[in-house]
Amino acid sequence: MKLRLDLLEHLTMEDIAEVALANNPRYKPEPRFSQTGVGSLSPTSIEDSAREEALNTALIRKVEKRQAETGKPLDPK
């Protein structure tokens, strides 16, 4: 997957929070989280991967729409 740096300036904190919350159920803190502050993400299933790809595609389309509304051209690459 190509990283779309041209869309970063149109990304909002709400978009970032939405993606973070979507991954939140996968997060598993270590037993001593309060002391270490460390945890990990559990592996994804095929369904989780497909859902994540669909959410990412929807986010890209939403940010592309914002970019088009500002009148800036899309990255030709």
Protein backbone atom coordinates (compact mmCIF):
# COMPACT_ATOMS: atom_id res chain seq x y z
CA MET A 1 0.00 0.00 0.00
CA LYS A 2 1.31 3.43 -0.95
CA LEU A 3 1.54 6.06 1.77
CA ARG A 4 -0.46 9.12 0.67
CA LEU A 5 1.56 12.02 2.09
CA ASP A 6 -0.38 14.48 -0.07
CA LEU A 7 -3.48 13.85 2.06
CA LEU A 8 -1.89 14.46 5.46
CA GLU A 9 -2.73 18.15 5.63
CA HIS A 10 -6.43 17.28 5.22
CA LEU A 11 -6.45 14.65 7.98
CA THR A 12 -8.23 15.75 11.15
CA MET A 13 -7.84 14.68 14.78
CA GLU A 14 -11.30 13.09 14.53
CA ASP A 15 -10.08 10.89 11.67
CA ILE A 16 -7.07 9.78 13.70
CA ALA A 17 -9.20 9.10 16.80
CA GLU A 18 -11.64 7.04 14.70
CA VAL A 19 -8.84 4.80 13.41
CA ALA A 20 -7.34 4.44 16.89
CA LEU A 21 -10.68 3.47 18.39
CA ALA A 22 -11.25 0.90 15.65
CA ASN A 23 -8.03 -0.87 16.72
CA ASN A 24 -8.70 -0.49 20.45
CA PRO A 25 -10.41 -3.91 20.93
CA ARG A 26 -7.24 -5.61 19.65
CA TYR A 27 -5.03 -3.96 22.26
CA LYS A 28 -4.01 -6.25 25.13
CA PRO A 29 -2.10 -4.65 28.01
CA GLU A 30 0.56 -6.63 29.82
CA PRO A 31 -0.36 -7.87 33.29
CA ARG A 32 1.80 -5.16 34.82
CA PHE A 33 0.62 -2.38 32.49
CA SER A 34 0.39 0.21 35.27
CA GLN A 35 4.09 -0.26 35.98
CA THR A 36 5.49 -0.80 32.49
CA GLY A 37 3.08 1.14 30.29
CA VAL A 38 3.54 -1.57 27.66
CA GLY A 39 1.06 -3.69 25.79
CA SER A 40 0.64 -5.31 22.40
CA LEU A 41 -1.88 -5.81 19.60
CA SER A 42 -3.41 -9.23 19.20
CA PRO A 43 -3.16 -10.82 15.75
CA THR A 44 -5.86 -10.02 13.24
CA SER A 45 -8.17 -12.49 11.59
CA ILE A 46 -8.92 -12.42 7.88
CA GLU A 47 -12.22 -10.69 8.64
CA ASP A 48 -10.45 -8.06 10.77
CA SER A 49 -7.96 -7.40 7.98
CA ALA A 50 -10.74 -6.99 5.43
CA ARG A 51 -12.66 -4.63 7.74
CA GLU A 52 -9.51 -2.60 8.38
CA GLU A 53 -8.82 -2.31 4.65
CA ALA A 54 -12.41 -1.16 4.04
CA LEU A 55 -12.12 1.46 6.82
CA ASN A 56 -8.80 2.70 5.43
CA THR A 57 -10.24 2.96 1.93
CA ALA A 58 -13.23 4.90 3.25
CA LEU A 59 -10.91 7.25 5.14
CA ILE A 60 -8.80 7.85 2.03
CA ARG A 61 -11.93 8.66 -0.01
CA LYS A 62 -13.16 11.05 2.70
CA VAL A 63 -9.83 12.88 2.85
CA GLU A 64 -9.58 12.98 -0.97
CA LYS A 65 -13.00 14.64 -1.02
CA ARG A 66 -11.78 17.28 1.47
CA GLN A 67 -8.71 17.85 -0.68
CA ALA A 68 -10.87 18.31 -3.79
CA GLU A 69 -13.09 20.79 -1.94
CA THR A 70 -10.05 22.97 -1.16
CA GLY A 71 -9.19 23.08 -4.86
CA LYS A 72 -5.83 21.36 -4.54
CA PRO A 73 -5.10 18.78 -7.24
CA LEU A 74 -4.74 15.12 -6.30
CA ASP A 75 -1.27 13.62 -6.31
CA PRO A 76 -0.77 12.17 -9.82
CA LYS A 77 1.38 9.26 -8.55
